[in-house]
N, C-alpha and C. Protein backbone atom coordinates (compact mmCIF):
# COMPACT_ATOMS: atom_id res chain seq x y z
N UNK A 1 81.71 96.72 107.91
CA UNK A 1 83.16 96.67 108.00
C UNK A 1 83.66 95.36 107.41
N UNK A 2 84.75 95.42 106.67
CA UNK A 2 85.35 94.25 106.05
C UNK A 2 86.79 94.07 106.53
N UNK A 3 87.20 92.83 106.59
CA UNK A 3 88.58 92.49 106.93
C UNK A 3 89.31 92.18 105.63
N UNK A 4 90.53 92.67 105.51
CA UNK A 4 91.33 92.40 104.31
C UNK A 4 92.05 91.07 104.51
N UNK A 5 91.68 90.10 103.69
CA UNK A 5 92.28 88.77 103.77
C UNK A 5 93.41 88.67 102.76
N UNK A 6 94.58 88.27 103.25
CA UNK A 6 95.76 88.12 102.41
C UNK A 6 96.23 86.68 102.46
N UNK A 7 97.05 86.29 101.49
CA UNK A 7 97.71 84.99 101.57
C UNK A 7 98.80 85.08 102.62
N UNK A 8 99.39 83.96 102.96
CA UNK A 8 100.48 83.96 103.95
C UNK A 8 101.65 84.81 103.49
N UNK A 9 101.78 84.98 102.16
CA UNK A 9 102.87 85.78 101.60
C UNK A 9 102.49 87.25 101.41
N UNK A 10 101.29 87.60 101.83
CA UNK A 10 100.89 89.01 101.79
C UNK A 10 100.21 89.46 100.52
N UNK A 11 99.75 88.52 99.68
CA UNK A 11 99.06 88.91 98.45
C UNK A 11 97.56 89.01 98.72
N UNK A 12 96.88 90.03 98.21
CA UNK A 12 95.46 90.21 98.51
C UNK A 12 94.61 89.09 97.93
N UNK A 13 93.65 88.63 98.74
CA UNK A 13 92.76 87.56 98.33
C UNK A 13 91.31 88.03 98.23
N UNK A 14 90.82 88.69 99.26
CA UNK A 14 89.44 89.14 99.24
C UNK A 14 89.14 90.02 100.44
N UNK A 15 88.01 90.73 100.34
CA UNK A 15 87.44 91.42 101.50
C UNK A 15 86.45 90.44 102.12
N UNK A 16 86.56 90.19 103.42
CA UNK A 16 85.67 89.23 104.06
C UNK A 16 84.95 89.89 105.24
N UNK A 17 83.84 89.28 105.64
CA UNK A 17 83.08 89.80 106.79
C UNK A 17 83.79 89.44 108.09
N UNK A 18 83.39 90.10 109.17
CA UNK A 18 83.93 89.77 110.49
C UNK A 18 83.65 88.30 110.82
N UNK A 19 82.46 87.82 110.47
CA UNK A 19 82.08 86.44 110.76
C UNK A 19 82.99 85.46 110.02
N UNK A 20 83.30 85.76 108.75
CA UNK A 20 84.21 84.89 107.99
C UNK A 20 85.61 84.92 108.59
N UNK A 21 86.02 86.08 109.06
CA UNK A 21 87.33 86.20 109.70
C UNK A 21 87.38 85.34 110.97
N UNK A 22 86.32 85.36 111.75
CA UNK A 22 86.26 84.54 112.97
C UNK A 22 86.43 83.07 112.62
N UNK A 23 85.80 82.62 111.53
CA UNK A 23 85.94 81.22 111.12
C UNK A 23 87.39 80.87 110.81
N UNK A 24 88.11 81.81 110.18
CA UNK A 24 89.54 81.58 109.91
C UNK A 24 90.33 81.48 111.21
N UNK A 25 90.03 82.36 112.17
CA UNK A 25 90.70 82.29 113.47
C UNK A 25 90.39 80.97 114.16
N UNK A 26 89.12 80.59 114.19
CA UNK A 26 88.69 79.38 114.90
C UNK A 26 89.31 78.13 114.29
N UNK A 27 89.51 78.13 112.97
CA UNK A 27 90.11 76.98 112.29
C UNK A 27 91.64 77.02 112.33
N UNK A 28 92.19 78.01 113.01
CA UNK A 28 93.64 78.19 113.12
C UNK A 28 94.28 78.42 111.75
N UNK A 29 93.52 79.10 110.87
CA UNK A 29 94.03 79.40 109.53
C UNK A 29 94.78 80.73 109.47
N UNK A 30 94.70 81.53 110.53
CA UNK A 30 95.34 82.85 110.51
C UNK A 30 96.80 82.68 110.91
N UNK A 31 97.68 82.99 109.96
CA UNK A 31 99.11 82.84 110.21
C UNK A 31 99.69 84.09 110.88
N UNK A 32 99.19 85.25 110.47
CA UNK A 32 99.66 86.50 111.07
C UNK A 32 98.59 87.57 110.90
N UNK A 33 98.72 88.63 111.68
CA UNK A 33 97.76 89.73 111.59
C UNK A 33 98.51 91.06 111.51
N UNK A 34 97.81 92.05 111.02
CA UNK A 34 98.33 93.42 110.96
C UNK A 34 97.18 94.36 111.28
N UNK A 35 97.51 95.59 111.51
CA UNK A 35 96.48 96.59 111.72
C UNK A 35 95.87 96.51 113.10
N UNK A 36 94.83 97.27 113.26
CA UNK A 36 94.19 97.40 114.57
C UNK A 36 93.21 96.27 114.83
N UNK A 37 92.90 96.10 116.10
CA UNK A 37 91.85 95.17 116.50
C UNK A 37 90.52 95.84 116.19
N UNK A 38 89.64 95.13 115.46
CA UNK A 38 88.38 95.74 115.04
C UNK A 38 87.17 95.12 115.73
N UNK A 39 87.34 93.95 116.34
CA UNK A 39 86.22 93.31 117.04
C UNK A 39 86.74 92.21 117.95
N UNK A 40 85.98 91.95 119.01
CA UNK A 40 86.28 90.84 119.91
C UNK A 40 85.02 90.01 120.06
N UNK A 41 85.15 88.71 119.80
CA UNK A 41 84.02 87.79 119.90
C UNK A 41 84.24 86.86 121.09
N UNK A 42 83.25 86.71 121.94
CA UNK A 42 83.33 85.84 123.10
C UNK A 42 82.50 84.59 122.86
N UNK A 43 83.07 83.43 123.20
CA UNK A 43 82.38 82.16 123.02
C UNK A 43 81.96 81.56 124.34
N UNK A 44 81.92 80.23 124.34
CA UNK A 44 81.50 79.51 125.55
C UNK A 44 82.62 79.40 126.57
N UNK A 45 82.28 78.78 127.71
CA UNK A 45 83.24 78.59 128.80
C UNK A 45 83.76 77.15 128.78
N UNK A 46 85.05 77.01 129.04
CA UNK A 46 85.66 75.70 129.14
C UNK A 46 85.15 75.00 130.38
N UNK A 47 84.64 73.76 130.23
CA UNK A 47 84.05 73.03 131.36
C UNK A 47 85.08 72.75 132.45
N UNK A 48 86.33 72.52 132.06
CA UNK A 48 87.36 72.18 133.05
C UNK A 48 87.92 73.41 133.75
N UNK A 49 88.19 74.45 132.98
CA UNK A 49 88.85 75.62 133.58
C UNK A 49 87.89 76.76 133.88
N UNK A 50 86.74 76.75 133.24
CA UNK A 50 85.79 77.85 133.41
C UNK A 50 86.15 79.08 132.60
N UNK A 51 87.25 78.98 131.83
CA UNK A 51 87.71 80.13 131.05
C UNK A 51 86.86 80.29 129.79
N UNK A 52 86.50 81.53 129.48
CA UNK A 52 85.69 81.83 128.30
C UNK A 52 86.59 82.00 127.09
N UNK A 53 86.17 81.40 125.96
CA UNK A 53 86.94 81.57 124.73
C UNK A 53 86.74 82.98 124.18
N UNK A 54 87.76 83.48 123.51
CA UNK A 54 87.74 84.85 123.02
C UNK A 54 88.54 84.93 121.73
N UNK A 55 87.99 85.54 120.70
CA UNK A 55 88.71 85.74 119.43
C UNK A 55 88.75 87.23 119.13
N UNK A 56 89.96 87.75 118.99
CA UNK A 56 90.16 89.15 118.64
C UNK A 56 90.48 89.24 117.15
N UNK A 57 89.68 89.97 116.42
CA UNK A 57 89.83 90.07 114.97
C UNK A 57 90.57 91.36 114.62
N UNK A 58 91.60 91.22 113.77
CA UNK A 58 92.34 92.38 113.28
C UNK A 58 91.85 92.76 111.89
N UNK A 59 92.17 93.97 111.49
CA UNK A 59 91.68 94.50 110.21
C UNK A 59 92.33 93.85 108.99
N UNK A 60 93.53 93.25 109.18
CA UNK A 60 94.25 92.58 108.10
C UNK A 60 94.73 91.24 108.62
N UNK A 61 94.42 90.17 107.88
CA UNK A 61 94.87 88.85 108.30
C UNK A 61 95.58 88.15 107.15
N UNK A 62 96.65 87.43 107.48
CA UNK A 62 97.34 86.58 106.52
C UNK A 62 96.97 85.14 106.83
N UNK A 63 96.46 84.42 105.84
CA UNK A 63 95.94 83.07 106.08
C UNK A 63 96.86 81.99 105.52
N UNK A 64 96.76 80.82 106.15
CA UNK A 64 97.56 79.67 105.74
C UNK A 64 97.02 79.07 104.44
N UNK A 65 97.79 78.13 103.90
CA UNK A 65 97.32 77.37 102.74
C UNK A 65 97.69 78.02 101.42
N UNK A 66 97.32 77.31 100.37
CA UNK A 66 97.59 77.78 99.01
C UNK A 66 96.56 78.84 98.64
N UNK A 67 97.00 80.01 98.16
CA UNK A 67 96.05 81.06 97.81
C UNK A 67 95.07 80.59 96.73
N UNK A 68 93.80 80.93 96.92
CA UNK A 68 92.80 80.62 95.90
C UNK A 68 92.88 81.59 94.75
N UNK A 69 93.40 82.78 95.01
CA UNK A 69 93.44 83.83 94.00
C UNK A 69 94.88 84.23 93.74
N UNK A 70 95.29 84.19 92.48
CA UNK A 70 96.59 84.70 92.08
C UNK A 70 96.39 86.13 91.60
N UNK A 71 96.72 87.13 92.42
CA UNK A 71 96.42 88.51 92.04
C UNK A 71 97.12 88.95 90.76
N UNK A 72 98.25 88.33 90.44
CA UNK A 72 98.97 88.75 89.24
C UNK A 72 98.27 88.27 87.97
N UNK A 73 97.38 87.28 88.12
CA UNK A 73 96.64 86.79 86.95
C UNK A 73 95.26 87.40 86.85
N UNK A 74 94.92 88.28 87.77
CA UNK A 74 93.58 88.86 87.77
C UNK A 74 93.54 90.15 86.97
N UNK A 75 92.40 90.37 86.32
CA UNK A 75 92.16 91.64 85.65
C UNK A 75 91.02 92.32 86.40
N UNK A 76 91.19 93.57 86.75
CA UNK A 76 90.13 94.24 87.52
C UNK A 76 88.84 94.37 86.72
N UNK A 77 87.73 93.95 87.32
CA UNK A 77 86.44 94.11 86.68
C UNK A 77 86.07 95.58 86.56
N UNK A 78 85.29 95.90 85.55
CA UNK A 78 84.95 97.29 85.28
C UNK A 78 83.48 97.55 85.60
N UNK A 79 83.25 98.46 86.53
CA UNK A 79 81.89 98.91 86.85
C UNK A 79 81.92 100.43 86.91
N UNK A 80 80.76 101.05 86.80
CA UNK A 80 80.71 102.50 86.93
C UNK A 80 81.21 102.95 88.29
N UNK A 81 80.84 102.21 89.34
CA UNK A 81 81.26 102.57 90.69
C UNK A 81 82.78 102.63 90.79
N UNK A 82 83.45 101.60 90.24
CA UNK A 82 84.91 101.57 90.31
C UNK A 82 85.53 102.60 89.36
N UNK A 83 84.91 102.82 88.21
CA UNK A 83 85.41 103.85 87.28
C UNK A 83 85.36 105.22 87.93
N UNK A 84 84.22 105.57 88.53
CA UNK A 84 84.09 106.87 89.17
C UNK A 84 85.07 107.00 90.33
N UNK A 85 85.27 105.90 91.07
CA UNK A 85 86.21 105.92 92.19
C UNK A 85 87.65 106.08 91.69
N UNK A 86 87.98 105.39 90.59
CA UNK A 86 89.33 105.55 90.00
C UNK A 86 89.60 107.01 89.69
N UNK A 87 88.58 107.69 89.13
CA UNK A 87 88.72 109.08 88.73
C UNK A 87 88.28 110.06 89.83
N UNK A 88 87.95 109.52 91.00
CA UNK A 88 87.53 110.29 92.18
C UNK A 88 86.42 111.30 91.86
N UNK A 89 85.46 110.82 91.05
CA UNK A 89 84.26 111.61 90.72
C UNK A 89 84.56 112.92 90.01
N UNK A 90 85.70 113.00 89.33
CA UNK A 90 86.09 114.22 88.62
C UNK A 90 85.82 114.05 87.13
N UNK A 91 85.07 114.99 86.55
CA UNK A 91 84.80 114.97 85.12
C UNK A 91 86.10 115.19 84.35
N UNK A 92 86.36 114.33 83.38
CA UNK A 92 87.61 114.40 82.61
C UNK A 92 87.66 115.59 81.67
N UNK A 93 86.53 116.29 81.49
CA UNK A 93 86.49 117.41 80.55
C UNK A 93 86.41 118.77 81.22
N UNK A 94 85.55 118.91 82.22
CA UNK A 94 85.42 120.23 82.87
C UNK A 94 86.15 120.28 84.21
N UNK A 95 86.53 119.13 84.75
CA UNK A 95 87.29 119.09 86.00
C UNK A 95 86.46 119.22 87.26
N UNK A 96 85.14 119.25 87.14
CA UNK A 96 84.30 119.38 88.33
C UNK A 96 84.19 118.05 89.06
N UNK A 97 84.18 118.13 90.39
CA UNK A 97 83.93 116.95 91.22
C UNK A 97 82.45 116.94 91.56
N UNK A 98 81.77 115.85 91.19
CA UNK A 98 80.32 115.80 91.32
C UNK A 98 79.85 114.52 92.01
N UNK A 99 78.61 114.55 92.48
CA UNK A 99 77.99 113.37 93.06
C UNK A 99 77.74 112.34 91.97
N UNK A 100 77.68 111.08 92.37
CA UNK A 100 77.56 109.97 91.43
C UNK A 100 76.37 110.13 90.48
N UNK A 101 75.25 110.63 90.98
CA UNK A 101 74.06 110.73 90.13
C UNK A 101 74.23 111.73 88.98
N UNK A 102 75.28 112.55 89.03
CA UNK A 102 75.53 113.52 87.95
C UNK A 102 76.66 113.07 87.02
N UNK A 103 77.14 111.83 87.21
CA UNK A 103 78.27 111.34 86.43
C UNK A 103 77.84 110.26 85.45
N UNK A 104 78.64 110.09 84.40
CA UNK A 104 78.38 109.07 83.40
C UNK A 104 79.68 108.38 83.01
N UNK A 105 79.51 107.20 82.43
CA UNK A 105 80.63 106.47 81.83
C UNK A 105 80.84 107.06 80.44
N UNK A 106 82.01 107.61 80.19
CA UNK A 106 82.27 108.31 78.92
C UNK A 106 83.31 107.54 78.09
N UNK A 107 82.92 107.18 76.87
CA UNK A 107 83.82 106.49 75.94
C UNK A 107 84.67 107.52 75.20
N UNK A 108 85.97 107.43 75.35
CA UNK A 108 86.87 108.37 74.66
C UNK A 108 86.70 108.19 73.15
N UNK A 109 86.88 106.97 72.69
CA UNK A 109 86.53 106.64 71.31
C UNK A 109 85.11 106.09 71.36
N UNK A 110 84.14 106.82 70.80
CA UNK A 110 82.73 106.42 70.95
C UNK A 110 82.44 105.02 70.42
N UNK A 111 81.41 104.40 70.97
CA UNK A 111 81.00 103.07 70.54
C UNK A 111 80.67 103.07 69.05
N UNK A 112 80.05 104.15 68.56
CA UNK A 112 79.70 104.22 67.13
C UNK A 112 80.94 104.28 66.24
N UNK A 113 82.12 104.54 66.84
CA UNK A 113 83.38 104.52 66.08
C UNK A 113 84.23 103.32 66.51
N UNK A 114 83.56 102.26 66.94
CA UNK A 114 84.20 101.01 67.37
C UNK A 114 84.93 101.11 68.71
N UNK A 115 84.57 102.07 69.52
CA UNK A 115 85.15 102.17 70.86
C UNK A 115 84.65 101.05 71.76
N UNK A 116 85.50 100.60 72.66
CA UNK A 116 85.20 99.46 73.52
C UNK A 116 84.98 99.89 74.97
N UNK A 117 84.34 99.00 75.74
CA UNK A 117 84.18 99.20 77.18
C UNK A 117 85.41 98.66 77.89
N UNK A 118 86.49 99.42 77.86
CA UNK A 118 87.72 99.01 78.52
C UNK A 118 88.21 100.16 79.40
N UNK A 119 89.02 99.81 80.39
CA UNK A 119 89.57 100.85 81.29
C UNK A 119 90.28 101.94 80.51
N UNK A 120 90.99 101.57 79.43
CA UNK A 120 91.78 102.55 78.68
C UNK A 120 90.94 103.40 77.72
N UNK A 121 89.67 103.05 77.53
CA UNK A 121 88.81 103.85 76.65
C UNK A 121 87.72 104.56 77.44
N UNK A 122 87.78 104.50 78.76
CA UNK A 122 86.72 105.10 79.57
C UNK A 122 87.26 106.10 80.57
N UNK A 123 86.51 107.18 80.74
CA UNK A 123 86.77 108.15 81.79
C UNK A 123 85.42 108.54 82.40
N UNK A 124 85.50 109.22 83.50
CA UNK A 124 84.31 109.76 84.15
C UNK A 124 83.99 111.12 83.53
N UNK A 125 82.72 111.36 83.25
CA UNK A 125 82.31 112.67 82.72
C UNK A 125 80.98 113.07 83.34
N UNK A 126 80.79 114.36 83.51
CA UNK A 126 79.48 114.83 83.96
C UNK A 126 78.50 114.69 82.79
N UNK A 127 77.23 114.70 83.10
CA UNK A 127 76.22 114.50 82.06
C UNK A 127 76.27 115.60 81.01
N UNK A 128 76.54 116.83 81.44
CA UNK A 128 76.61 117.94 80.50
C UNK A 128 77.73 117.79 79.49
N UNK A 129 78.91 117.44 79.97
CA UNK A 129 80.06 117.27 79.07
C UNK A 129 79.87 116.06 78.16
N UNK A 130 79.31 114.98 78.71
CA UNK A 130 79.08 113.79 77.91
C UNK A 130 78.11 114.12 76.77
N UNK A 131 77.06 114.86 77.06
CA UNK A 131 76.09 115.25 76.04
C UNK A 131 76.73 116.17 75.00
N UNK A 132 77.55 117.12 75.47
CA UNK A 132 78.19 118.07 74.56
C UNK A 132 79.18 117.38 73.64
N UNK A 133 79.93 116.39 74.17
CA UNK A 133 80.90 115.67 73.34
C UNK A 133 80.19 114.79 72.32
N UNK A 134 79.08 114.17 72.73
CA UNK A 134 78.29 113.35 71.80
C UNK A 134 79.09 112.20 71.21
N UNK A 135 78.79 111.82 69.98
CA UNK A 135 79.45 110.66 69.35
C UNK A 135 80.76 111.04 68.65
N UNK A 136 81.54 111.88 69.30
CA UNK A 136 82.81 112.33 68.72
C UNK A 136 83.96 111.97 69.65
N UNK A 137 85.17 112.00 69.13
CA UNK A 137 86.36 111.85 69.97
C UNK A 137 86.62 113.20 70.63
N UNK A 138 87.45 113.22 71.68
CA UNK A 138 87.79 114.52 72.28
C UNK A 138 88.38 115.51 71.27
N UNK A 139 89.18 114.99 70.34
CA UNK A 139 89.78 115.87 69.33
C UNK A 139 88.70 116.44 68.40
N UNK A 140 87.79 115.59 67.97
CA UNK A 140 86.71 116.04 67.09
C UNK A 140 85.80 117.05 67.79
N UNK A 141 85.60 116.87 69.08
CA UNK A 141 84.73 117.77 69.84
C UNK A 141 85.48 118.98 70.39
N UNK A 142 86.81 118.99 70.21
CA UNK A 142 87.67 120.05 70.78
C UNK A 142 87.47 120.15 72.29
N UNK A 143 87.46 118.98 72.92
CA UNK A 143 87.32 118.89 74.37
C UNK A 143 88.47 118.01 74.90
N UNK A 144 89.64 118.58 75.11
CA UNK A 144 90.78 117.76 75.55
C UNK A 144 90.55 117.15 76.93
N UNK A 145 91.08 115.94 77.10
CA UNK A 145 91.01 115.26 78.39
C UNK A 145 91.91 115.96 79.40
N UNK A 146 91.43 116.11 80.62
CA UNK A 146 92.22 116.71 81.70
C UNK A 146 93.12 115.69 82.37
N UNK A 147 92.80 114.41 82.23
CA UNK A 147 93.63 113.34 82.78
C UNK A 147 93.52 112.12 81.88
N UNK A 148 94.50 111.24 81.98
CA UNK A 148 94.54 110.05 81.12
C UNK A 148 93.93 108.86 81.84
N UNK A 149 93.26 107.98 81.10
CA UNK A 149 92.75 106.75 81.71
C UNK A 149 93.90 105.77 81.96
N UNK A 150 93.68 104.81 82.83
CA UNK A 150 94.67 103.75 83.07
C UNK A 150 93.96 102.55 83.66
N UNK A 151 94.62 101.39 83.56
CA UNK A 151 94.08 100.16 84.13
C UNK A 151 94.56 100.05 85.58
N UNK A 152 93.65 99.96 86.54
CA UNK A 152 94.07 99.85 87.94
C UNK A 152 94.86 98.56 88.19
N UNK A 153 95.86 98.64 89.05
CA UNK A 153 96.58 97.44 89.47
C UNK A 153 95.67 96.63 90.38
N UNK A 154 96.06 95.39 90.67
CA UNK A 154 95.25 94.55 91.55
C UNK A 154 95.13 95.18 92.94
N UNK A 155 96.18 95.85 93.40
CA UNK A 155 96.15 96.50 94.70
C UNK A 155 95.15 97.65 94.69
N UNK A 156 95.18 98.43 93.61
CA UNK A 156 94.23 99.53 93.50
C UNK A 156 92.80 99.01 93.36
N UNK A 157 92.66 97.89 92.66
CA UNK A 157 91.33 97.30 92.51
C UNK A 157 90.73 96.95 93.87
N UNK A 158 91.56 96.50 94.80
CA UNK A 158 91.06 96.21 96.15
C UNK A 158 90.59 97.49 96.84
N UNK A 159 91.23 98.60 96.55
CA UNK A 159 90.79 99.88 97.09
C UNK A 159 89.45 100.28 96.46
N UNK A 160 89.35 100.12 95.15
CA UNK A 160 88.14 100.54 94.43
C UNK A 160 86.93 99.66 94.76
N UNK A 161 87.17 98.42 95.20
CA UNK A 161 86.09 97.49 95.49
C UNK A 161 85.36 97.75 96.80
N UNK A 162 86.02 98.41 97.74
CA UNK A 162 85.47 98.54 99.08
C UNK A 162 85.20 100.00 99.40
N UNK A 163 83.99 100.33 99.78
CA UNK A 163 83.64 101.72 100.07
C UNK A 163 84.09 102.15 101.45
N UNK A 164 84.26 101.22 102.37
CA UNK A 164 84.60 101.55 103.76
C UNK A 164 85.93 100.91 104.14
N UNK A 165 87.00 101.57 103.79
CA UNK A 165 88.33 101.04 104.07
C UNK A 165 88.89 101.75 105.31
N UNK A 166 89.36 100.95 106.25
CA UNK A 166 89.96 101.52 107.46
C UNK A 166 91.32 102.11 107.11
N UNK A 167 91.77 103.05 107.92
CA UNK A 167 93.03 103.77 107.64
C UNK A 167 94.21 102.81 107.53
N UNK A 168 94.30 101.81 108.42
CA UNK A 168 95.45 100.90 108.37
C UNK A 168 95.38 99.98 107.13
N UNK A 169 94.18 99.62 106.71
CA UNK A 169 94.02 98.83 105.48
C UNK A 169 94.43 99.67 104.27
N UNK A 170 94.00 100.93 104.25
CA UNK A 170 94.36 101.82 103.14
C UNK A 170 95.86 102.02 103.08
N UNK A 171 96.47 102.22 104.23
CA UNK A 171 97.93 102.41 104.26
C UNK A 171 98.65 101.19 103.70
N UNK A 172 98.20 99.99 104.08
CA UNK A 172 98.81 98.76 103.59
C UNK A 172 98.65 98.65 102.08
N UNK A 173 97.45 98.86 101.57
CA UNK A 173 97.20 98.74 100.14
C UNK A 173 97.96 99.79 99.34
N UNK A 174 97.99 101.00 99.86
CA UNK A 174 98.65 102.09 99.12
C UNK A 174 100.16 101.89 99.03
N UNK A 175 100.75 101.13 99.95
CA UNK A 175 102.19 100.84 99.88
C UNK A 175 102.53 100.06 98.61
N UNK A 176 101.54 99.35 98.06
CA UNK A 176 101.78 98.48 96.91
C UNK A 176 101.24 99.05 95.60
N UNK A 177 100.52 100.15 95.67
CA UNK A 177 99.92 100.75 94.47
C UNK A 177 101.02 101.49 93.69
N UNK A 178 101.04 101.35 92.35
CA UNK A 178 102.03 102.07 91.55
C UNK A 178 101.96 103.58 91.79
N UNK A 179 103.10 104.24 91.71
CA UNK A 179 103.15 105.69 91.97
C UNK A 179 102.34 106.49 90.97
N UNK A 180 102.09 105.91 89.79
CA UNK A 180 101.30 106.61 88.77
C UNK A 180 99.81 106.58 89.06
N UNK A 181 99.40 105.76 89.99
CA UNK A 181 97.98 105.63 90.33
C UNK A 181 97.47 106.88 91.04
N UNK A 182 96.23 107.25 90.76
CA UNK A 182 95.62 108.37 91.48
C UNK A 182 95.45 108.05 92.95
N UNK A 183 95.32 106.76 93.28
CA UNK A 183 95.13 106.35 94.66
C UNK A 183 96.40 106.57 95.48
N UNK A 184 97.55 106.68 94.82
CA UNK A 184 98.82 106.86 95.52
C UNK A 184 99.23 108.32 95.61
N UNK A 185 98.52 109.20 94.92
CA UNK A 185 98.98 110.57 94.79
C UNK A 185 98.49 111.51 95.88
N UNK A 186 97.60 111.03 96.73
CA UNK A 186 97.07 111.90 97.78
C UNK A 186 97.44 111.36 99.14
N UNK A 187 98.00 112.20 99.99
CA UNK A 187 98.35 111.79 101.35
C UNK A 187 97.11 111.52 102.19
N UNK A 188 96.03 112.20 101.87
CA UNK A 188 94.79 112.06 102.64
C UNK A 188 93.79 111.22 101.88
N UNK A 189 94.30 110.24 101.11
CA UNK A 189 93.39 109.53 100.22
C UNK A 189 92.30 108.76 100.95
N UNK A 190 92.59 108.20 102.10
CA UNK A 190 91.56 107.42 102.80
C UNK A 190 90.32 108.27 103.03
N UNK A 191 90.53 109.52 103.46
CA UNK A 191 89.40 110.42 103.68
C UNK A 191 88.77 110.81 102.36
N UNK A 192 89.60 111.12 101.35
CA UNK A 192 89.08 111.53 100.06
C UNK A 192 88.25 110.43 99.43
N UNK A 193 88.74 109.18 99.53
CA UNK A 193 88.02 108.07 98.92
C UNK A 193 86.67 107.88 99.58
N UNK A 194 86.64 108.03 100.91
CA UNK A 194 85.37 107.88 101.61
C UNK A 194 84.39 108.96 101.16
N UNK A 195 84.89 110.21 101.06
CA UNK A 195 84.03 111.31 100.62
C UNK A 195 83.58 111.10 99.18
N UNK A 196 84.52 110.67 98.36
CA UNK A 196 84.24 110.47 96.94
C UNK A 196 83.23 109.34 96.75
N UNK A 197 83.33 108.28 97.56
CA UNK A 197 82.40 107.16 97.45
C UNK A 197 81.02 107.49 97.94
N UNK A 198 80.92 108.37 98.92
CA UNK A 198 79.64 108.69 99.52
C UNK A 198 78.93 109.85 98.85
N UNK A 199 79.63 110.51 97.92
CA UNK A 199 79.05 111.69 97.29
C UNK A 199 77.79 111.35 96.53
């Protein structure tokens, strides 16, 4: 389980462990919290009062100080895991939803035709369709794309980075995702993303 760490102004910074979140609480760096309580940590007893220290960790925390990460200056890194998650494991040519081991990174404009490894030139494809398309463009292969590629926003990138997102974290992130994003188009996306990631 990961805690969503935000700046004091609500901009995403990172996914952190429960232990890292406790350190922020203990250092009095947590300015505000959102979401549900996900863990309670008990410490030692006060020698004078006998009271035991207790830290309750929430799923979303806003931290003090100057943000280390400016999300507006970030470009989402590209990995097969995030590409498949962006496309929710759906082949761009046949439309089948498949397990990760049956999917490939498919270059719309092939590398042999100067195609690049960029979000806008990549889609998810099953191995069969990728093989059938070969070193051709969709037009040359007469295999039209069923959906268009796009560059994920920083908010969507935070969704794509984490396989186990709690419902309240997903709701918070989805409020900021552009309406054109696939992550914003499903009301049951938290469940779909979990299924899609575990396939």
